Amino acid sequence: MPTLPRDGIEISYTDHGGSGRPVVLVHGWPLSGESWSDTVPALLDAGYRVITYDRRGFGASGSTGANGYDYDLLTADLAALLDALDLDDVTLVGFSMGGGEVARYVGNHGESRLHSVAFLSAVPPWLLLSDENPEGGLDMATARGMQEAMRSDREGFLDEFLTTFFSVDGELVVSEERRQQALRLAAQADLDAAVACIVLWTSRFSDDVARITVPTLVMHGDSDAIVPFEVSGKRVHDVVAGSDLVLIEGAPHGITVSHAEIVNAALLEFLAR
């Protein structure tokens, strides 16, 4: 895969081809661009140009270690990729943590290169549960505890996390093979980067989301046990005027795998407008 030099590290990306409007897919934690394997073929078949990349510290991209991770930095990597490939009329699709880069891209870099945006099981607008944000879903003490658990028992933590990721009411809704595939992708992540990014899920994107004016798709599972719809997708849909909402019944967090056909059909319908 080609790489993009950024701040002394290499950001790995894949331009899958296609001659139509570009669609850039931003992956979730703790995975990599390969996690879009069920989505890329459907977009290519429909004629879109598809680009995936690995967030710094994940997949094949370089890591800056434990320090310096924030969404401004991560989003600057995304902006550099769009600039390097000179992409215009782009649809940004962010899954889970990747939704943060999509929102912050609009906040920091505007919409001049964008055609539309999509949030899939995404963390915006503000996941942090606090006195200031009582509608949030993750308090800081729990996030810090997750960091400690990840550092002390990486294998055990990821095994439990990726089970919940693909489960509804405690029951796994994907094959064990697909869960193991996700575990293999997670194993590629730099430990320091993976730990640092956990707290970033609580970042505030309220102002970024409020700036969105391009067509917007919000897609979420109604049984998401990682990023509950009520504290994330619903609130983005309520804030972004005219946004489309696809709420998938009986779907977990990992909808791009568990409900790939529904996700792809909804995404293609949105892209065709």
C-alpha atoms as a PDB file:
ATOM      1  CA  MET A   1       0.000   0.000   0.000  1.00  0.00           C
ATOM      2  CA  PRO A   2       1.231   3.544  -0.664  1.00  0.00           C
ATOM      3  CA  THR A   3       1.962   5.816   2.269  1.00  0.00           C
ATOM      4  CA  LEU A   4       1.614   9.517   2.957  1.00  0.00           C
ATOM      5  CA  PRO A   5       4.427  11.173   4.955  1.00  0.00           C
ATOM      6  CA  ARG A   6       2.986  13.125   7.890  1.00  0.00           C
ATOM      7  CA  ASP A   7       4.981  14.598  10.789  1.00  0.00           C
ATOM      8  CA  GLY A   8       7.716  12.053  10.377  1.00  0.00           C
ATOM      9  CA  ILE A   9       5.419   9.028  10.191  1.00  0.00           C
ATOM     10  CA  GLU A  10       3.794   7.225   7.311  1.00  0.00           C
ATOM     11  CA  ILE A  11       0.009   7.073   6.891  1.00  0.00           C
ATOM     12  CA  SER A  12      -0.892   3.944   4.936  1.00  0.00           C
ATOM     13  CA  TYR A  13      -3.778   4.186   2.507  1.00  0.00           C
ATOM     14  CA  THR A  14      -5.366   2.266  -0.335  1.00  0.00           C
ATOM     15  CA  ASP A  15      -6.901   3.848  -3.414  1.00  0.00           C
ATOM     16  CA  HIS A  16      -9.133   0.979  -4.510  1.00  0.00           C
ATOM     17  CA  GLY A  17      -9.862   2.542  -7.886  1.00  0.00           C
ATOM     18  CA  GLY A  18     -13.094   3.520  -9.536  1.00  0.00           C
ATOM     19  CA  SER A  19     -13.638   6.586 -11.658  1.00  0.00           C
ATOM     20  CA  GLY A  20     -16.684   8.129  -9.999  1.00  0.00           C
ATOM     21  CA  ARG A  21     -17.041  10.503  -7.092  1.00  0.00           C
ATOM     22  CA  PRO A  22     -14.563   9.696  -4.303  1.00  0.00           C
ATOM     23  CA  VAL A  23     -15.703   8.065  -1.072  1.00  0.00           C
ATOM     24  CA  VAL A  24     -13.226   8.058   1.808  1.00  0.00           C
ATOM     25  CA  LEU A  25     -13.902   5.499   4.539  1.00  0.00           C
ATOM     26  CA  VAL A  26     -12.612   6.226   8.061  1.00  0.00           C
ATOM     27  CA  HIS A  27     -12.371   3.148  10.275  1.00  0.00           C
ATOM     28  CA  GLY A  28     -13.242   2.592  13.913  1.00  0.00           C
ATOM     29  CA  TRP A  29     -11.208   1.600  16.973  1.00  0.00           C
ATOM     30  CA  PRO A  30      -9.215  -0.655  17.258  1.00  0.00           C
ATOM     31  CA  LEU A  31      -9.325  -1.739  13.616  1.00  0.00           C
ATOM     32  CA  SER A  32      -7.822  -0.557  10.318  1.00  0.00           C
ATOM     33  CA  GLY A  33      -8.875   0.302   6.798  1.00  0.00           C
ATOM     34  CA  GLU A  34      -9.230  -3.416   6.111  1.00  0.00           C
ATOM     35  CA  SER A  35     -12.334  -3.441   8.309  1.00  0.00           C
ATOM     36  CA  TRP A  36     -14.274  -1.965   5.355  1.00  0.00           C
ATOM     37  CA  SER A  37     -13.934  -5.226   3.397  1.00  0.00           C
ATOM     38  CA  ASP A  38     -17.723  -5.686   3.139  1.00  0.00           C
ATOM     39  CA  THR A  39     -18.288  -2.098   1.994  1.00  0.00           C
ATOM     40  CA  VAL A  40     -15.547  -1.444  -0.556  1.00  0.00           C
ATOM     41  CA  PRO A  41     -16.749  -3.949  -3.217  1.00  0.00           C
ATOM     42  CA  ALA A  42     -20.299  -2.609  -3.154  1.00  0.00           C
ATOM     43  CA  LEU A  43     -19.090   0.955  -3.689  1.00  0.00           C
ATOM     44  CA  LEU A  44     -16.681  -0.063  -6.438  1.00  0.00           C
ATOM     45  CA  ASP A  45     -19.392  -2.014  -8.229  1.00  0.00           C
ATOM     46  CA  ALA A  46     -21.522   1.128  -8.200  1.00  0.00           C
ATOM     47  CA  GLY A  47     -18.715   3.086  -9.848  1.00  0.00           C
ATOM     48  CA  TYR A  48     -17.391   5.158  -6.958  1.00  0.00           C
ATOM     49  CA  ARG A  49     -13.720   5.799  -6.331  1.00  0.00           C
ATOM     50  CA  VAL A  50     -13.010   4.312  -2.910  1.00  0.00           C
ATOM     51  CA  ILE A  51     -10.166   5.216  -0.566  1.00  0.00           C
ATOM     52  CA  THR A  52      -9.437   3.634   2.795  1.00  0.00           C
ATOM     53  CA  TYR A  53      -6.573   4.421   5.153  1.00  0.00           C
ATOM     54  CA  ASP A  54      -5.166   3.361   8.511  1.00  0.00           C
ATOM     55  CA  ARG A  55      -5.362   5.897  11.323  1.00  0.00           C
ATOM     56  CA  ARG A  56      -1.913   6.708  12.711  1.00  0.00           C
ATOM     57  CA  GLY A  57      -0.916   4.013  15.183  1.00  0.00           C
ATOM     58  CA  PHE A  58      -3.283   1.468  13.632  1.00  0.00           C
ATOM     59  CA  GLY A  59      -2.975  -1.055  10.832  1.00  0.00           C
ATOM     60  CA  ALA A  60       0.132  -0.407   8.742  1.00  0.00           C
ATOM     61  CA  SER A  61       0.465   3.294   9.632  1.00  0.00           C
ATOM     62  CA  GLY A  62       3.231   4.621  11.856  1.00  0.00           C
ATOM     63  CA  SER A  63       2.652   5.651  15.447  1.00  0.00           C
ATOM     64  CA  THR A  64       3.626   8.707  17.453  1.00  0.00           C
ATOM     65  CA  GLY A  65       3.471   6.688  20.669  1.00  0.00           C
ATOM     66  CA  ALA A  66       1.396   7.653  23.689  1.00  0.00           C
ATOM     67  CA  ASN A  67       1.725  11.431  23.389  1.00  0.00           C
ATOM     68  CA  GLY A  68       0.070  13.945  21.167  1.00  0.00           C
ATOM     69  CA  TYR A  69      -3.045  12.057  20.150  1.00  0.00           C
ATOM     70  CA  ASP A  70      -6.067  14.273  19.674  1.00  0.00           C
ATOM     71  CA  TYR A  71      -8.719  14.698  17.018  1.00  0.00           C
ATOM     72  CA  ASP A  72      -7.114  17.814  15.561  1.00  0.00           C
ATOM     73  CA  LEU A  73      -4.011  15.761  14.753  1.00  0.00           C
ATOM     74  CA  LEU A  74      -5.949  12.760  13.460  1.00  0.00           C
ATOM     75  CA  THR A  75      -8.142  14.973  11.309  1.00  0.00           C
ATOM     76  CA  ALA A  76      -5.099  16.775   9.916  1.00  0.00           C
ATOM     77  CA  ASP A  77      -3.968  13.349   8.651  1.00  0.00           C
ATOM     78  CA  LEU A  78      -7.293  12.930   6.871  1.00  0.00           C
ATOM     79  CA  ALA A  79      -7.075  16.433   5.414  1.00  0.00           C
ATOM     80  CA  ALA A  80      -3.524  15.755   4.209  1.00  0.00           C
ATOM     81  CA  LEU A  81      -4.731  12.617   2.436  1.00  0.00           C
ATOM     82  CA  LEU A  82      -7.518  14.486   0.652  1.00  0.00           C
ATOM     83  CA  ASP A  83      -5.060  17.213  -0.326  1.00  0.00           C
ATOM     84  CA  ALA A  84      -2.374  14.791  -1.506  1.00  0.00           C
ATOM     85  CA  LEU A  85      -4.828  12.920  -3.730  1.00  0.00           C
ATOM     86  CA  ASP A  86      -6.471  16.226  -4.717  1.00  0.00           C
ATOM     87  CA  LEU A  87      -9.925  14.852  -3.974  1.00  0.00           C
ATOM     88  CA  ASP A  88     -12.988  17.011  -4.486  1.00  0.00           C
ATOM     89  CA  ASP A  89     -16.724  16.329  -4.251  1.00  0.00           C
ATOM     90  CA  VAL A  90     -15.861  13.772  -1.559  1.00  0.00           C
ATOM     91  CA  THR A  91     -18.163  11.781   0.667  1.00  0.00           C
ATOM     92  CA  LEU A  92     -16.557  11.117   4.046  1.00  0.00           C
ATOM     93  CA  VAL A  93     -17.897   8.037   5.823  1.00  0.00           C
ATOM     94  CA  GLY A  94     -16.872   7.601   9.442  1.00  0.00           C
ATOM     95  CA  PHE A  95     -17.546   4.487  11.484  1.00  0.00           C
ATOM     96  CA  SER A  96     -17.501   4.693  15.293  1.00  0.00           C
ATOM     97  CA  MET A  97     -14.354   6.619  16.283  1.00  0.00           C
ATOM     98  CA  GLY A  98     -13.974   7.522  12.610  1.00  0.00           C
ATOM     99  CA  GLY A  99     -17.073   9.672  12.868  1.00  0.00           C
ATOM    100  CA  GLY A 100     -15.007  11.999  15.015  1.00  0.00           C
ATOM    101  CA  GLU A 101     -12.598  12.703  12.160  1.00  0.00           C
ATOM    102  CA  VAL A 102     -15.538  13.346   9.841  1.00  0.00           C
ATOM    103  CA  ALA A 103     -17.103  15.879  12.210  1.00  0.00           C
ATOM    104  CA  ARG A 104     -13.798  17.558  13.073  1.00  0.00           C
ATOM    105  CA  TYR A 105     -12.877  17.743   9.390  1.00  0.00           C
ATOM    106  CA  VAL A 106     -15.888  19.979   8.824  1.00  0.00           C
ATOM    107  CA  GLY A 107     -15.065  21.987  11.946  1.00  0.00           C
ATOM    108  CA  ASN A 108     -11.381  22.503  11.115  1.00  0.00           C
ATOM    109  CA  HIS A 109     -11.204  22.326   7.325  1.00  0.00           C
ATOM    110  CA  GLY A 110     -14.650  23.283   6.089  1.00  0.00           C
ATOM    111  CA  GLU A 111     -16.744  21.710   3.358  1.00  0.00           C
ATOM    112  CA  SER A 112     -15.081  22.989   0.166  1.00  0.00           C
ATOM    113  CA  ARG A 113     -13.857  19.487  -0.779  1.00  0.00           C
ATOM    114  CA  LEU A 114     -16.999  17.719   0.385  1.00  0.00           C
ATOM    115  CA  HIS A 115     -20.113  16.453  -1.339  1.00  0.00           C
ATOM    116  CA  SER A 116     -21.624  14.774   1.728  1.00  0.00           C
ATOM    117  CA  VAL A 117     -20.827  13.021   5.024  1.00  0.00           C
ATOM    118  CA  ALA A 118     -22.031   9.865   6.736  1.00  0.00           C
ATOM    119  CA  PHE A 119     -21.871   8.775  10.369  1.00  0.00           C
ATOM    120  CA  LEU A 120     -22.100   5.023  11.042  1.00  0.00           C
ATOM    121  CA  SER A 121     -22.340   3.942  14.715  1.00  0.00           C
ATOM    122  CA  ALA A 122     -20.341   7.110  15.311  1.00  0.00           C
ATOM    123  CA  VAL A 123     -19.239   8.827  18.533  1.00  0.00           C
ATOM    124  CA  PRO A 124     -20.349  12.447  17.792  1.00  0.00           C
ATOM    125  CA  PRO A 125     -21.704  14.756  18.968  1.00  0.00           C
ATOM    126  CA  TRP A 126     -20.410  14.233  22.546  1.00  0.00           C
ATOM    127  CA  LEU A 127     -20.141  10.837  24.168  1.00  0.00           C
ATOM    128  CA  LEU A 128     -18.797  12.038  27.508  1.00  0.00           C
ATOM    129  CA  LEU A 129     -21.227  11.575  30.391  1.00  0.00           C
ATOM    130  CA  SER A 130     -20.792  14.504  32.766  1.00  0.00           C
ATOM    131  CA  ASP A 131     -22.709  17.179  34.649  1.00  0.00           C
ATOM    132  CA  GLU A 132     -22.333  19.409  31.603  1.00  0.00           C
ATOM    133  CA  ASN A 133     -23.467  16.632  29.263  1.00  0.00           C
ATOM    134  CA  PRO A 134     -25.950  14.425  31.150  1.00  0.00           C
ATOM    135  CA  GLU A 135     -27.098  12.855  27.872  1.00  0.00           C
ATOM    136  CA  GLY A 136     -23.646  11.329  27.293  1.00  0.00           C
ATOM    137  CA  GLY A 137     -22.905   7.631  27.447  1.00  0.00           C
ATOM    138  CA  LEU A 138     -19.321   7.213  28.729  1.00  0.00           C
ATOM    139  CA  ASP A 139     -17.949   8.820  31.891  1.00  0.00           C
ATOM    140  CA  MET A 140     -14.267   9.646  32.173  1.00  0.00           C
ATOM    141  CA  ALA A 141     -13.639   7.212  35.028  1.00  0.00           C
ATOM    142  CA  THR A 142     -14.896   4.339  32.883  1.00  0.00           C
ATOM    143  CA  ALA A 143     -12.779   5.478  29.931  1.00  0.00           C
ATOM    144  CA  ARG A 144      -9.687   5.618  32.152  1.00  0.00           C
ATOM    145  CA  GLY A 145     -10.527   2.175  33.482  1.00  0.00           C
ATOM    146  CA  MET A 146     -10.721   0.858  29.927  1.00  0.00           C
ATOM    147  CA  GLN A 147      -7.285   2.293  29.261  1.00  0.00           C
ATOM    148  CA  GLU A 148      -5.868   0.535  32.307  1.00  0.00           C
ATOM    149  CA  ALA A 149      -7.534  -2.750  31.335  1.00  0.00           C
ATOM    150  CA  MET A 150      -6.227  -2.509  27.784  1.00  0.00           C
ATOM    151  CA  ARG A 151      -2.689  -1.888  28.973  1.00  0.00           C
ATOM    152  CA  SER A 152      -2.699  -4.593  31.649  1.00  0.00           C
ATOM    153  CA  ASP A 153      -4.403  -7.326  29.582  1.00  0.00           C
ATOM    154  CA  ARG A 154      -4.579  -6.336  25.939  1.00  0.00           C
ATOM    155  CA  GLU A 155      -5.682  -9.742  24.662  1.00  0.00           C
ATOM    156  CA  GLY A 156      -8.402 -10.195  27.266  1.00  0.00           C
ATOM    157  CA  PHE A 157      -9.717  -6.662  26.916  1.00  0.00           C
ATOM    158  CA  LEU A 158      -9.958  -6.834  23.131  1.00  0.00           C
ATOM    159  CA  ASP A 159     -11.585 -10.261  23.267  1.00  0.00           C
ATOM    160  CA  GLU A 160     -14.353  -8.899  25.487  1.00  0.00           C
ATOM    161  CA  PHE A 161     -14.643  -5.584  23.652  1.00  0.00           C
ATOM    162  CA  LEU A 162     -14.994  -7.146  20.208  1.00  0.00           C
ATOM    163  CA  THR A 163     -17.532  -9.623  21.521  1.00  0.00           C
ATOM    164  CA  THR A 164     -19.697  -6.743  22.766  1.00  0.00           C
ATOM    165  CA  PHE A 165     -18.951  -4.930  19.494  1.00  0.00           C
ATOM    166  CA  PHE A 166     -20.778  -7.660  17.555  1.00  0.00           C
ATOM    167  CA  SER A 167     -23.407  -8.696  20.130  1.00  0.00           C
ATOM    168  CA  VAL A 168     -27.045  -7.924  20.850  1.00  0.00           C
ATOM    169  CA  ASP A 169     -28.346  -8.639  24.339  1.00  0.00           C
ATOM    170  CA  GLY A 170     -25.203 -10.630  25.053  1.00  0.00           C
ATOM    171  CA  GLU A 171     -25.506 -12.850  21.973  1.00  0.00           C
ATOM    172  CA  LEU A 172     -22.943 -12.723  19.173  1.00  0.00           C
ATOM    173  CA  VAL A 173     -24.681 -11.879  15.872  1.00  0.00           C
ATOM    174  CA  VAL A 174     -21.748 -12.469  13.531  1.00  0.00           C
ATOM    175  CA  SER A 175     -19.745 -15.616  12.941  1.00  0.00           C
ATOM    176  CA  GLU A 176     -16.806 -16.377  15.194  1.00  0.00           C
ATOM    177  CA  GLU A 177     -14.653 -16.194  12.079  1.00  0.00           C
ATOM    178  CA  ARG A 178     -15.596 -12.541  11.574  1.00  0.00           C
ATOM    179  CA  ARG A 179     -14.949 -11.737  15.230  1.00  0.00           C
ATOM    180  CA  GLN A 180     -11.533 -13.363  14.959  1.00  0.00           C
ATOM    181  CA  GLN A 181     -10.861 -11.347  11.831  1.00  0.00           C
ATOM    182  CA  ALA A 182     -11.535  -8.168  13.808  1.00  0.00           C
ATOM    183  CA  LEU A 183      -9.225  -9.390  16.568  1.00  0.00           C
ATOM    184  CA  ARG A 184      -6.455  -9.896  14.010  1.00  0.00           C
ATOM    185  CA  LEU A 185      -6.877  -6.340  12.760  1.00  0.00           C
ATOM    186  CA  ALA A 186      -6.879  -5.036  16.334  1.00  0.00           C
ATOM    187  CA  ALA A 187      -3.637  -6.888  17.024  1.00  0.00           C
ATOM    188  CA  GLN A 188      -1.878  -4.682  14.452  1.00  0.00           C
ATOM    189  CA  ALA A 189      -2.468  -1.510  16.469  1.00  0.00           C
ATOM    190  CA  ASP A 190       0.322   0.070  18.450  1.00  0.00           C
ATOM    191  CA  LEU A 191      -0.521  -0.392  22.129  1.00  0.00           C
ATOM    192  CA  ASP A 192       0.279   3.188  23.131  1.00  0.00           C
ATOM    193  CA  ALA A 193      -1.840   4.569  20.297  1.00  0.00           C
ATOM    194  CA  ALA A 194      -4.746   2.247  21.041  1.00  0.00           C
ATOM    195  CA  VAL A 195      -4.721   3.157  24.726  1.00  0.00           C
ATOM    196  CA  ALA A 196      -4.442   6.896  24.069  1.00  0.00           C
ATOM    197  CA  CYS A 197      -7.354   6.880  21.622  1.00  0.00           C
ATOM    198  CA  ILE A 198      -9.839   5.407  24.107  1.00  0.00           C
ATOM    199  CA  VAL A 199     -10.172   8.717  25.920  1.00  0.00           C
ATOM    200  CA  LEU A 200     -10.596  10.527  22.601  1.00  0.00           C
ATOM    201  CA  TRP A 201     -14.006   8.906  22.203  1.00  0.00           C
ATOM    202  CA  THR A 202     -15.249  11.414  24.791  1.00  0.00           C
ATOM    203  CA  SER A 203     -14.151  14.418  22.705  1.00  0.00           C
ATOM    204  CA  ARG A 204     -16.721  17.123  22.124  1.00  0.00           C
ATOM    205  CA  PHE A 205     -17.900  17.514  18.513  1.00  0.00           C
ATOM    206  CA  SER A 206     -21.009  19.581  19.170  1.00  0.00           C
ATOM    207  CA  ASP A 207     -19.670  22.691  17.447  1.00  0.00           C
ATOM    208  CA  ASP A 208     -18.285  20.656  14.537  1.00  0.00           C
ATOM    209  CA  VAL A 209     -21.602  18.910  13.936  1.00  0.00           C
ATOM    210  CA  ALA A 210     -23.456  22.219  14.104  1.00  0.00           C
ATOM    211  CA  ARG A 211     -21.361  23.464  11.158  1.00  0.00           C
ATOM    212  CA  ILE A 212     -22.429  20.671   8.809  1.00  0.00           C
ATOM    213  CA  THR A 213     -24.476  21.878   5.832  1.00  0.00           C
ATOM    214  CA  VAL A 214     -23.746  19.188   3.231  1.00  0.00           C
ATOM    215  CA  PRO A 215     -26.078  16.185   2.857  1.00  0.00           C
ATOM    216  CA  THR A 216     -25.667  13.923   5.884  1.00  0.00           C
ATOM    217  CA  LEU A 217     -26.495  10.302   6.595  1.00  0.00           C
ATOM    218  CA  VAL A 218     -26.751   8.904  10.117  1.00  0.00           C
ATOM    219  CA  MET A 219     -26.854   5.112  10.388  1.00  0.00           C
ATOM    220  CA  HIS A 220     -26.942   3.218  13.667  1.00  0.00           C
ATOM    221  CA  GLY A 221     -27.988  -0.049  15.239  1.00  0.00           C
ATOM    222  CA  ASP A 222     -30.785   0.223  17.769  1.00  0.00           C
ATOM    223  CA  SER A 223     -29.003  -2.327  19.998  1.00  0.00           C
ATOM    224  CA  ASP A 224     -25.537  -0.761  19.949  1.00  0.00           C
ATOM    225  CA  ALA A 225     -23.911  -1.558  23.306  1.00  0.00           C
ATOM    226  CA  ILE A 226     -20.704   0.393  22.576  1.00  0.00           C
ATOM    227  CA  VAL A 227     -22.059   3.744  21.336  1.00  0.00           C
ATOM    228  CA  PRO A 228     -25.788   3.821  22.098  1.00  0.00           C
ATOM    229  CA  PHE A 229     -27.955   5.423  19.428  1.00  0.00           C
ATOM    230  CA  GLU A 230     -29.758   7.694  21.884  1.00  0.00           C
ATOM    231  CA  VAL A 231     -26.572   9.450  22.985  1.00  0.00           C
ATOM    232  CA  SER A 232     -24.939   9.707  19.566  1.00  0.00           C
ATOM    233  CA  GLY A 233     -26.671   9.060  16.261  1.00  0.00           C
ATOM    234  CA  LYS A 234     -30.025  10.419  17.401  1.00  0.00           C
ATOM    235  CA  ARG A 235     -28.463  13.644  18.602  1.00  0.00           C
ATOM    236  CA  VAL A 236     -26.507  14.156  15.355  1.00  0.00           C
ATOM    237  CA  HIS A 237     -29.681  13.598  13.364  1.00  0.00           C
ATOM    238  CA  ASP A 238     -31.536  16.099  15.545  1.00  0.00           C
ATOM    239  CA  VAL A 239     -28.848  18.766  15.081  1.00  0.00           C
ATOM    240  CA  VAL A 240     -28.106  18.432  11.349  1.00  0.00           C
ATOM    241  CA  ALA A 241     -31.092  19.817   9.485  1.00  0.00           C
ATOM    242  CA  GLY A 242     -32.355  17.556   6.717  1.00  0.00           C
ATOM    243  CA  SER A 243     -30.095  14.660   7.664  1.00  0.00           C
ATOM    244  CA  ASP A 244     -31.169  11.139   6.719  1.00  0.00           C
ATOM    245  CA  LEU A 245     -31.534   8.568   9.485  1.00  0.00           C
ATOM    246  CA  VAL A 246     -31.317   4.805   9.071  1.00  0.00           C
ATOM    247  CA  LEU A 247     -31.906   3.001  12.363  1.00  0.00           C
ATOM    248  CA  ILE A 248     -31.249  -0.726  11.972  1.00  0.00           C
ATOM    249  CA  GLU A 249     -33.422  -2.947  14.125  1.00  0.00           C
ATOM    250  CA  GLY A 250     -31.631  -5.579  16.176  1.00  0.00           C
ATOM    251  CA  ALA A 251     -28.186  -4.378  15.107  1.00  0.00           C
ATOM    252  CA  PRO A 252     -25.062  -4.106  17.294  1.00  0.00           C
ATOM    253  CA  HIS A 253     -22.232  -1.609  17.082  1.00  0.00           C
ATOM    254  CA  GLY A 254     -20.442  -3.400  14.254  1.00  0.00           C
ATOM    255  CA  ILE A 255     -23.149  -2.859  11.628  1.00  0.00           C
ATOM    256  CA  THR A 256     -20.760  -2.828   8.653  1.00  0.00           C
ATOM    257  CA  VAL A 257     -20.224  -6.548   9.274  1.00  0.00           C
ATOM    258  CA  SER A 258     -23.386  -7.739  11.024  1.00  0.00           C
ATOM    259  CA  HIS A 259     -25.779  -5.927   8.667  1.00  0.00           C
ATOM    260  CA  ALA A 260     -23.526  -5.284   5.682  1.00  0.00           C
ATOM    261  CA  GLU A 261     -26.286  -5.630   3.047  1.00  0.00           C
ATOM    262  CA  ILE A 262     -28.517  -3.084   4.787  1.00  0.00           C
ATOM    263  CA  VAL A 263     -25.612  -0.698   5.373  1.00  0.00           C
ATOM    264  CA  ASN A 264     -24.408  -0.921   1.781  1.00  0.00           C
ATOM    265  CA  ALA A 265     -27.890  -0.469   0.314  1.00  0.00           C
ATOM    266  CA  ALA A 266     -28.577   2.591   2.479  1.00  0.00           C
ATOM    267  CA  LEU A 267     -25.167   4.081   1.743  1.00  0.00           C
ATOM    268  CA  LEU A 268     -25.572   3.594  -2.006  1.00  0.00           C
ATOM    269  CA  GLU A 269     -29.029   5.158  -1.944  1.00  0.00           C
ATOM    270  CA  PHE A 270     -27.631   8.138  -0.089  1.00  0.00           C
ATOM    271  CA  LEU A 271     -24.637   8.485  -2.427  1.00  0.00           C
ATOM    272  CA  ALA A 272     -26.875   8.408  -5.509  1.00  0.00           C
ATOM    273  CA  ARG A 273     -28.713  11.576  -4.522  1.00  0.00           C
END
